[in-house]
């Protein structure tokens, strides 16, 4: 009985092992039959592999180009051209804007190439980051200085509504110019999308990240303040010289009441009134009774640029004059350039101050702390080694 009792479990165990072994063999055969079908369905094609390899090489080339010094110098030159060329064109009193339009088109194309290179080369760290939207804002602000957009802005000063609209348009164009300064942040000391490089220590990474965050916020605050503060003056009544409009109505009254003889006498007084001013009339035009127009050329110098001409007419529309605002526009362009330079100096100055402050407050104490920890750890490891 004892032998039969001991043999029974062994038989059951052998049956169980046989059944498990058979099931495993069947499962292996099934998986061997299914695996070729599954691998064949998920196996990438030769074209997909070829395109993936080519894209990887192109991505590496884009990263290499973005880090190259020549590429950064070209982008810096394009940025400076976008910032200063429109005002410099006005200061030089160029007759046509064709050359400026070509430069702006080239700048726009260079910004598009820069955006594409960084998007392809660094998709995970660049897309939807601060520097990505910074580049998009700078890219969209370039066409605001093109003649197709600038020539469509209102310049008439006939009534307060149009004057306010013209002032708002000028402020909008000026704000669009300043948005390009956001692209300048990547060239500031220690501020870039690769600022926290992998080749630095832990303390250096923390210091660089903190400095980048503070510098970008302070620089953006400076730019936003310069852009937003003038907007609060839009609701106020425009501050302009109404003598031009008053003279037009006065000449219109003289012409309607006393005829052409008195009008020509008043024109001499009108011209002498602006003798010592930066802007002056260059031509006066009036409508005769039969519907034709007559004009009189004044002594003022005619501007080279058509955008420096400003036409003012009387309320009745019978008399209007053309003024030369070339000097005023050149002074305004020079002030814009000086303002941009001041903003750049402020951004660079505060970035350097923040860099020194972060280095003194964070970097040096943290490096000393980590150096002490490393020294203590080395002593512990040395003692453990001696004990072993």
Protein backbone atom coordinates (compact mmCIF):
# COMPACT_ATOMS: atom_id res chain seq x y z
CA UNK A 1 0.00 0.00 0.00
CA UNK A 2 2.77 2.41 0.82
CA UNK A 3 4.39 1.90 -2.54
CA UNK A 4 1.09 2.38 -4.37
CA UNK A 5 0.35 5.45 -2.32
CA UNK A 6 3.76 6.95 -3.21
CA UNK A 7 3.49 6.05 -6.90
CA UNK A 8 0.10 7.69 -7.39
CA UNK A 9 1.29 11.30 -6.94
CA UNK A 10 4.28 10.62 -9.13
CA UNK A 11 1.99 9.50 -11.93
CA UNK A 12 -0.19 12.52 -11.54
CA UNK A 13 2.86 14.75 -11.52
CA UNK A 14 4.17 13.15 -14.71
CA UNK A 15 0.77 13.60 -16.36
CA UNK A 16 0.71 17.24 -15.33
CA UNK A 17 4.25 17.77 -16.64
CA UNK A 18 3.36 16.06 -19.89
CA UNK A 19 0.24 18.15 -20.30
CA UNK A 20 2.12 21.36 -19.50
CA UNK A 21 4.94 20.40 -21.84
CA UNK A 22 2.51 19.61 -24.62
CA UNK A 23 0.67 22.90 -24.11
CA UNK A 24 3.94 24.81 -24.19
CA UNK A 25 4.96 23.06 -27.41
CA UNK A 26 1.62 23.91 -28.97
CA UNK A 27 1.93 27.54 -27.87
CA UNK A 28 5.44 27.73 -29.30
CA UNK A 29 4.24 26.38 -32.64
CA UNK A 30 1.39 28.90 -32.69
CA UNK A 31 3.69 31.79 -31.89
CA UNK A 32 6.16 30.58 -34.52
CA UNK A 33 3.33 30.57 -37.04
CA UNK A 34 2.00 33.97 -35.99
CA UNK A 35 5.31 35.80 -35.56
CA UNK A 36 6.27 35.94 -39.24
CA UNK A 37 2.94 37.52 -40.10
CA UNK A 38 3.24 40.10 -37.29
CA UNK A 39 6.81 41.04 -38.07
CA UNK A 40 6.10 41.23 -41.74
CA UNK A 41 3.21 43.65 -41.16
CA UNK A 42 5.27 45.98 -38.89
CA UNK A 43 8.54 45.79 -40.79
CA UNK A 44 9.44 49.27 -42.21
CA UNK A 45 9.80 49.56 -45.92
CA UNK A 46 13.03 50.46 -47.65
CA UNK A 47 11.66 53.87 -48.67
CA UNK A 48 10.69 54.67 -45.08
CA UNK A 49 14.15 53.72 -43.85
CA UNK A 50 15.80 55.78 -46.58
CA UNK A 51 13.70 58.86 -45.79
CA UNK A 52 14.30 58.45 -42.07
CA UNK A 53 18.05 58.33 -42.56
CA UNK A 54 17.99 61.35 -44.85
CA UNK A 55 15.87 63.32 -42.40
CA UNK A 56 18.24 62.43 -39.54
CA UNK A 57 21.19 63.68 -41.57
CA UNK A 58 19.29 66.85 -42.53
CA UNK A 59 18.35 67.41 -38.88
CA UNK A 60 21.98 67.08 -37.85
CA UNK A 61 22.99 69.53 -40.58
CA UNK A 62 20.37 72.02 -39.34
CA UNK A 63 21.71 71.79 -35.78
CA UNK A 64 25.25 72.25 -37.03
CA UNK A 65 24.22 75.27 -39.13
CA UNK A 66 22.35 76.85 -36.21
CA UNK A 67 25.45 76.57 -34.02
CA UNK A 68 27.80 77.90 -36.68
CA UNK A 69 29.21 81.39 -36.24
CA UNK A 70 28.58 82.45 -39.83
CA UNK A 71 24.88 81.63 -39.56
CA UNK A 72 24.58 83.62 -36.33
CA UNK A 73 26.37 86.59 -37.89
CA UNK A 74 24.02 86.55 -40.90
CA UNK A 75 20.99 86.44 -38.59
CA UNK A 76 22.41 89.28 -36.51
CA UNK A 77 22.96 91.36 -39.66
CA UNK A 78 19.39 90.66 -40.80
CA UNK A 79 18.06 91.72 -37.42
CA UNK A 80 20.02 94.98 -37.43
CA UNK A 81 18.85 95.66 -40.99
CA UNK A 82 15.24 95.13 -39.94
CA UNK A 83 15.67 97.45 -36.96
CA UNK A 84 17.58 100.35 -38.49
CA UNK A 85 17.15 100.29 -42.28
CA UNK A 86 13.64 101.83 -42.44
CA UNK A 87 14.68 104.84 -40.34
CA UNK A 88 18.07 105.06 -42.03
CA UNK A 89 16.31 105.16 -45.40
CA UNK A 90 14.32 108.20 -44.26
CA UNK A 91 17.35 109.96 -42.78
CA UNK A 92 19.29 109.51 -46.03
CA UNK A 93 16.26 111.00 -47.85
CA UNK A 94 16.15 108.26 -50.49
CA UNK A 95 13.76 109.08 -53.29
CA UNK A 96 12.29 105.60 -53.77
CA UNK A 97 11.53 102.75 -51.37
CA UNK A 98 12.31 100.01 -53.90
CA UNK A 99 15.71 99.26 -52.40
CA UNK A 100 14.27 99.20 -48.88
CA UNK A 101 11.51 96.83 -49.99
CA UNK A 102 14.09 94.44 -51.46
CA UNK A 103 16.12 94.51 -48.23
CA UNK A 104 12.99 93.81 -46.17
CA UNK A 105 12.06 90.89 -48.43
CA UNK A 106 15.55 89.41 -47.95
CA UNK A 107 15.28 89.93 -44.20
CA UNK A 108 11.89 88.23 -44.18
CA UNK A 109 13.27 85.26 -46.11
CA UNK A 110 16.25 84.99 -43.74
CA UNK A 111 13.91 84.98 -40.73
CA UNK A 112 11.81 82.24 -42.34
CA UNK A 113 14.97 80.16 -42.96
CA UNK A 114 16.08 80.67 -39.37
CA UNK A 115 12.68 79.57 -38.08
CA UNK A 116 12.71 76.48 -40.31
CA UNK A 117 16.30 75.52 -39.38
CA UNK A 118 15.62 75.68 -35.66
CA UNK A 119 12.25 73.95 -35.98
CA UNK A 120 13.79 71.02 -37.89
CA UNK A 121 17.03 70.87 -35.93
CA UNK A 122 15.59 71.19 -32.41
CA UNK A 123 11.89 70.22 -32.56
CA UNK A 124 11.57 69.09 -28.93
CA UNK A 125 13.30 72.03 -27.25
CA UNK A 126 12.44 74.82 -29.69
CA UNK A 127 8.82 74.38 -30.86
CA UNK A 128 6.32 76.20 -28.61
CA UNK A 129 9.14 77.62 -26.48
CA UNK A 130 9.76 81.27 -25.64
CA UNK A 131 12.31 81.67 -28.40
CA UNK A 132 9.94 80.09 -30.93
CA UNK A 133 7.21 82.69 -30.30
CA UNK A 134 9.87 85.38 -30.14
CA UNK A 135 10.98 84.49 -33.67
CA UNK A 136 7.38 84.33 -34.89
CA UNK A 137 6.66 87.83 -33.55
CA UNK A 138 9.81 89.22 -35.17
CA UNK A 139 8.95 87.51 -38.45
CA UNK A 140 5.41 88.93 -38.57
CA UNK A 141 6.62 92.46 -37.75
CA UNK A 142 8.88 92.72 -40.83
CA UNK A 143 6.09 93.44 -43.40
CA UNK A 144 4.89 96.45 -41.36
CA UNK A 145 7.79 98.51 -42.77
CA UNK A 146 7.18 97.45 -46.38
CA UNK A 147 5.84 100.17 -48.67
CA UNK A 148 2.69 98.14 -49.39
CA UNK A 149 1.75 98.49 -45.72
CA UNK A 150 3.31 101.83 -44.81
CA UNK A 151 1.82 103.66 -47.80
CA UNK A 152 -1.67 102.47 -46.85
CA UNK A 153 -1.51 104.16 -43.43
CA UNK A 154 -3.58 107.39 -43.18
CA UNK A 155 -1.61 110.65 -43.23
CA UNK A 156 -4.38 113.21 -43.65
CA UNK A 157 -4.91 115.87 -40.98
CA UNK A 158 -8.28 117.19 -42.10
CA UNK A 159 -10.29 116.27 -38.99
CA UNK A 160 -9.77 114.97 -35.50
CA UNK A 161 -11.05 111.47 -36.26
CA UNK A 162 -8.60 110.95 -39.11
CA UNK A 163 -5.84 112.54 -37.07
CA UNK A 164 -6.45 110.11 -34.22
CA UNK A 165 -6.54 107.20 -36.67
CA UNK A 166 -3.27 108.34 -38.25
CA UNK A 167 -1.67 108.67 -34.84
CA UNK A 168 -2.85 105.20 -33.86
CA UNK A 169 -1.46 103.78 -37.11
CA UNK A 170 1.92 105.39 -36.47
CA UNK A 171 2.01 103.99 -32.95
CA UNK A 172 1.09 100.55 -34.30
CA UNK A 173 3.88 100.67 -36.88
CA UNK A 174 6.31 101.83 -34.22
CA UNK A 175 5.25 99.01 -31.89
CA UNK A 176 5.75 96.56 -34.74
CA UNK A 177 9.28 97.85 -35.13
CA UNK A 178 10.02 97.31 -31.45
CA UNK A 179 8.76 93.73 -31.51
CA UNK A 180 11.87 92.87 -33.53
CA UNK A 181 13.91 93.70 -30.43
CA UNK A 182 12.56 90.51 -28.87
CA UNK A 183 14.68 88.57 -31.38
CA UNK A 184 17.72 90.36 -29.98
CA UNK A 185 17.36 88.45 -26.70
CA UNK A 186 19.06 85.37 -28.12
CA UNK A 187 22.26 87.41 -28.65
CA UNK A 188 22.39 88.78 -25.11
CA UNK A 189 25.09 87.45 -22.73
CA UNK A 190 24.08 84.03 -21.44
CA UNK A 191 20.60 84.10 -22.97
CA UNK A 192 19.84 81.47 -25.60
CA UNK A 193 17.81 78.34 -26.11
CA UNK A 194 20.98 76.32 -25.45
CA UNK A 195 22.10 78.40 -22.47
CA UNK A 196 22.01 75.53 -20.01
CA UNK A 197 24.59 73.47 -21.89
CA UNK A 198 25.30 69.89 -21.01
CA UNK A 199 29.04 70.50 -20.68
CA UNK A 200 28.74 72.56 -17.47
CA UNK A 201 28.44 71.44 -13.90
CA UNK A 202 25.27 71.42 -11.83
CA UNK A 203 25.91 74.82 -10.27
CA UNK A 204 26.70 76.38 -13.64
CA UNK A 205 23.52 74.93 -15.16
CA UNK A 206 21.37 76.30 -12.35
CA UNK A 207 23.01 79.71 -12.55
CA UNK A 208 22.66 79.88 -16.34
CA UNK A 209 19.00 78.84 -16.25
CA UNK A 210 18.22 81.42 -13.57
CA UNK A 211 20.06 84.16 -15.45
CA UNK A 212 18.26 83.28 -18.70
CA UNK A 213 14.88 83.44 -17.02
CA UNK A 214 15.56 86.77 -15.30
CA UNK A 215 17.19 88.38 -18.37
CA UNK A 216 14.35 87.46 -20.72
CA UNK A 217 11.72 88.77 -18.33
CA UNK A 218 13.50 92.06 -17.65
CA UNK A 219 14.18 92.62 -21.36
CA UNK A 220 10.58 91.83 -22.29
CA UNK A 221 9.41 94.24 -19.58
CA UNK A 222 11.52 97.03 -21.08
CA UNK A 223 10.19 96.37 -24.59
CA UNK A 224 6.57 96.12 -23.48
CA UNK A 225 6.81 99.36 -21.50
CA UNK A 226 8.18 101.22 -24.53
CA UNK A 227 5.43 99.76 -26.71
CA UNK A 228 2.48 100.14 -24.33
CA UNK A 229 3.04 103.50 -22.64
CA UNK A 230 2.45 105.62 -25.80
CA UNK A 231 -0.87 103.81 -26.35
CA UNK A 232 -2.41 105.63 -23.38
CA UNK A 233 -2.22 108.87 -25.37
CA UNK A 234 -4.51 107.58 -28.11
CA UNK A 235 -7.68 108.67 -26.32
CA UNK A 236 -6.44 112.23 -25.84
CA UNK A 237 -7.05 114.91 -28.43
CA UNK A 238 -4.23 114.83 -30.99
CA UNK A 239 -1.53 117.41 -30.41
CA UNK A 240 -0.88 118.90 -33.82
CA UNK A 241 -0.29 122.24 -35.42
CA UNK A 242 -3.69 123.60 -36.51
CA UNK A 243 -2.19 126.68 -38.17
CA UNK A 244 -2.12 124.85 -41.51
CA UNK A 245 -5.82 124.10 -41.35
CA UNK A 246 -6.58 127.67 -40.18
CA UNK A 247 -4.60 129.15 -43.06
CA UNK A 248 -6.47 126.96 -45.58
CA UNK A 249 -9.84 128.16 -44.29
CA UNK A 250 -8.61 131.76 -44.28
CA UNK A 251 -7.38 131.53 -47.89
CA UNK A 252 -10.62 129.85 -48.90
CA UNK A 253 -12.64 132.69 -47.34
CA UNK A 254 -10.53 135.33 -49.13
CA UNK A 255 -10.83 133.51 -52.45
CA UNK A 256 -14.58 132.98 -52.17
CA UNK A 257 -15.31 136.54 -51.01
CA UNK A 258 -12.79 138.72 -52.90
CA UNK A 259 -11.50 136.63 -55.78
CA UNK A 260 -8.14 135.61 -57.12
CA UNK A 261 -6.42 138.98 -56.58
CA UNK A 262 -6.75 138.94 -52.81
CA UNK A 263 -5.87 135.23 -52.75
CA UNK A 264 -2.47 135.87 -54.35
CA UNK A 265 -1.74 138.63 -51.82
CA UNK A 266 -2.67 136.35 -48.93
CA UNK A 267 -0.49 133.56 -50.32
CA UNK A 268 2.60 135.74 -49.75
CA UNK A 269 1.63 136.19 -46.08
CA UNK A 270 0.91 132.46 -45.84
CA UNK A 271 4.37 131.61 -47.18
CA UNK A 272 6.18 134.06 -44.91
CA UNK A 273 4.42 132.62 -41.85
CA UNK A 274 6.34 129.33 -42.23
CA UNK A 275 9.63 130.98 -43.13
CA UNK A 276 11.43 129.99 -39.90
CA UNK A 277 9.85 126.55 -39.38
CA UNK A 278 11.05 123.05 -40.24
CA UNK A 279 7.95 122.37 -42.35
CA UNK A 280 6.69 124.75 -44.99
CA UNK A 281 4.30 124.92 -47.97
CA UNK A 282 5.66 124.18 -51.43
CA UNK A 283 2.53 124.56 -53.57
CA UNK A 284 -0.99 125.93 -53.30
CA UNK A 285 -3.86 124.77 -55.50
CA UNK A 286 -7.37 126.22 -55.89
CA UNK A 287 -10.43 125.35 -57.92
CA UNK A 288 -11.86 127.91 -60.33
CA UNK A 289 -15.50 128.58 -61.11
CA UNK A 290 -15.48 126.44 -64.27
CA UNK A 291 -14.19 123.37 -62.36
CA UNK A 292 -10.53 123.53 -63.42
CA UNK A 293 -7.61 123.72 -61.01
CA UNK A 294 -4.87 126.31 -60.85
CA UNK A 295 -1.70 126.12 -58.82
CA UNK A 296 1.13 128.33 -57.71
CA UNK A 297 4.61 127.02 -56.97
CA UNK A 298 6.08 128.54 -53.81
CA UNK A 299 9.71 129.11 -52.85
CA UNK A 300 9.92 126.11 -50.54
CA UNK A 301 12.07 123.17 -51.62
CA UNK A 302 10.22 120.18 -52.99
CA UNK A 303 10.94 116.93 -51.06
CA UNK A 304 12.58 113.98 -52.80
CA UNK A 305 10.32 111.43 -51.14
CA UNK A 306 6.60 111.44 -51.81
CA UNK A 307 5.96 110.29 -48.26
CA UNK A 308 7.32 113.63 -47.01
CA UNK A 309 4.49 115.48 -48.76
CA UNK A 310 1.44 116.34 -46.68
CA UNK A 311 -1.68 117.81 -48.27
CA UNK A 312 -3.96 120.09 -46.23
CA UNK A 313 -7.25 121.38 -47.64
CA UNK A 314 -9.93 123.78 -46.50
CA UNK A 315 -13.30 122.64 -45.24
CA UNK A 316 -14.94 123.54 -48.55
CA UNK A 317 -12.30 121.69 -50.57
CA UNK A 318 -11.71 124.63 -52.95
CA UNK A 319 -8.23 125.48 -51.67
CA UNK A 320 -5.51 123.10 -50.52
CA UNK A 321 -1.76 123.26 -50.07
CA UNK A 322 1.11 120.76 -50.13
CA UNK A 323 3.63 120.90 -47.28
CA UNK A 324 7.16 119.55 -47.04
CA UNK A 325 7.61 117.51 -43.85
CA UNK A 326 10.99 116.04 -44.80
CA UNK A 327 12.92 117.55 -41.88
CA UNK A 328 10.29 116.50 -39.35
CA UNK A 329 10.23 112.94 -40.66
CA UNK A 330 14.02 112.69 -40.59
CA UNK A 331 14.11 113.94 -37.00
CA UNK A 332 11.42 111.42 -36.06
CA UNK A 333 13.39 108.60 -37.73
CA UNK A 334 16.55 109.67 -35.91
CA UNK A 335 14.69 109.65 -32.58
CA UNK A 336 13.41 106.13 -33.33
CA UNK A 337 16.94 104.91 -34.00
CA UNK A 338 18.22 106.51 -30.79
CA UNK A 339 15.36 104.92 -28.86
CA UNK A 340 16.17 101.48 -30.27
CA UNK A 341 19.84 101.91 -29.34
CA UNK A 342 18.87 102.97 -25.81
CA UNK A 343 16.64 99.90 -25.44
CA UNK A 344 19.45 97.62 -26.66
CA UNK A 345 21.89 99.20 -24.20
CA UNK A 346 19.39 98.81 -21.36
CA UNK A 347 18.79 95.18 -22.24
CA UNK A 348 22.50 94.38 -22.43
CA UNK A 349 23.31 96.38 -19.30
CA UNK A 350 20.64 94.73 -17.17
CA UNK A 351 21.57 91.31 -18.52
CA UNK A 352 25.20 91.83 -17.47
CA UNK A 353 24.13 93.12 -14.05
CA UNK A 354 21.85 90.13 -13.55
CA UNK A 355 24.64 87.82 -14.65
CA UNK A 356 27.03 89.24 -12.06
CA UNK A 357 24.36 89.22 -9.35
CA UNK A 358 23.35 85.62 -10.02
CA UNK A 359 27.00 84.58 -10.08
CA UNK A 360 27.67 86.26 -6.73
CA UNK A 361 24.45 85.17 -5.00
CA UNK A 362 23.89 81.69 -6.43
CA UNK A 363 26.83 80.33 -8.37
CA UNK A 364 29.75 80.93 -6.04
CA UNK A 365 28.05 79.76 -2.78
CA UNK A 366 26.63 76.72 -4.54
CA UNK A 367 30.01 75.82 -6.01
CA UNK A 368 31.61 76.15 -2.57
CA UNK A 369 28.90 73.95 -1.07
CA UNK A 370 29.29 71.28 -3.73
CA UNK A 371 33.07 71.42 -3.40
CA UNK A 372 32.73 70.79 0.36
CA UNK A 373 30.38 67.89 -0.25
CA UNK A 374 32.81 66.41 -2.76
CA UNK A 375 35.71 66.75 -0.33
CA UNK A 376 33.78 65.03 2.46
CA UNK A 377 32.65 62.24 0.11
CA UNK A 378 36.23 61.66 -1.02
CA UNK A 379 37.39 61.36 2.61
CA UNK A 380 34.65 58.83 3.32
CA UNK A 381 35.52 56.77 0.26
CA UNK A 382 39.22 56.89 1.19
CA UNK A 383 38.53 55.68 4.72
CA UNK A 384 36.29 52.87 3.45
CA UNK A 385 39.00 51.80 1.03
CA UNK A 386 41.60 51.71 3.82
CA UNK A 387 39.30 49.70 6.06
CA UNK A 388 38.63 47.20 3.26
